[in-house]
Structure formats: C-alpha cells, structure tokens
Amino acid sequence: MLKRKVHMCDQVTNRIEMIMQEGRFPLMRQLEELSIAALLLVVFLVGVGL
C-alpha cells in the first residue's frame, strides 16, 4: 500500500463545505451561486467602465 501525504487543509475545507450545504435546498444553493455570479459581473462592468 502506498503512503501518500494528506493535505489537512483540503480535508477541512471539504468538510466545512459539506456541512454548509447539508441543510440547504437545491434552489437556495442555485440562487446563492447566481447572486454571486451577478455580483462579480457587476463589479467587472464597473471596473471596465472606469
């Protein structure tokens, strides 16, 4: 069996993400992702406009 180093930071991040998504409805998750994308688009357009 090969011994590989496990990155603890990756495990902690994945665990936190799983816990955060556990109690949410899929619609709420999609709404959150869409709002983040819209916010990034607005920030980009304002940056280009200046």
Protein backbone atom coordinates (compact mmCIF):
# COMPACT_ATOMS: atom_id res chain seq x y z
CA MET A 1 0.00 0.00 0.00
CA LEU A 2 1.39 3.39 -0.96
CA LYS A 3 1.78 6.06 1.65
CA ARG A 4 0.63 9.46 0.46
CA LYS A 5 0.63 12.74 2.27
CA VAL A 6 -2.86 14.01 3.01
CA HIS A 7 -3.38 17.75 2.98
CA MET A 8 -5.33 18.56 6.12
CA CYS A 9 -6.36 21.96 4.79
CA ASP A 10 -8.16 20.34 1.83
CA GLN A 11 -10.00 17.97 4.15
CA VAL A 12 -11.11 20.77 6.46
CA THR A 13 -12.34 22.89 3.54
CA ASN A 14 -14.28 19.99 2.04
CA ARG A 15 -15.81 19.08 5.41
CA ILE A 16 -16.93 22.68 6.02
CA GLU A 17 -18.46 22.85 2.54
CA MET A 18 -20.36 19.60 3.11
CA ILE A 19 -21.72 20.86 6.43
CA MET A 20 -22.76 24.20 4.93
CA GLN A 21 -24.67 22.53 2.07
CA GLU A 22 -26.26 19.86 4.24
CA GLY A 23 -29.32 21.81 5.36
CA ARG A 24 -29.98 23.82 2.22
CA PHE A 25 -32.49 23.28 -0.51
CA PRO A 26 -31.06 22.92 -4.03
CA LEU A 27 -33.00 26.02 -5.11
CA MET A 28 -31.38 28.12 -2.39
CA ARG A 29 -27.93 26.89 -3.42
CA GLN A 30 -28.59 27.78 -7.07
CA LEU A 31 -29.91 31.19 -6.04
CA GLU A 32 -26.77 31.81 -4.00
CA GLU A 33 -24.48 30.84 -6.89
CA LEU A 34 -26.46 33.00 -9.31
CA SER A 35 -26.31 36.02 -6.99
CA ILE A 36 -22.54 35.63 -6.59
CA ALA A 37 -22.12 35.43 -10.37
CA ALA A 38 -24.27 38.54 -10.84
CA LEU A 39 -22.29 40.42 -8.20
CA LEU A 40 -18.98 39.52 -9.87
CA LEU A 41 -20.37 40.61 -13.24
CA VAL A 42 -21.43 43.99 -11.81
CA VAL A 43 -18.02 44.50 -10.22
CA PHE A 44 -16.33 43.64 -13.53
CA LEU A 45 -18.54 46.02 -15.52
CA VAL A 46 -17.94 48.87 -13.06
CA GLY A 47 -14.19 48.21 -13.21
CA VAL A 48 -14.17 48.26 -17.02
CA GLY A 49 -16.29 51.40 -17.09
CA LEU A 50 -13.75 53.37 -15.03
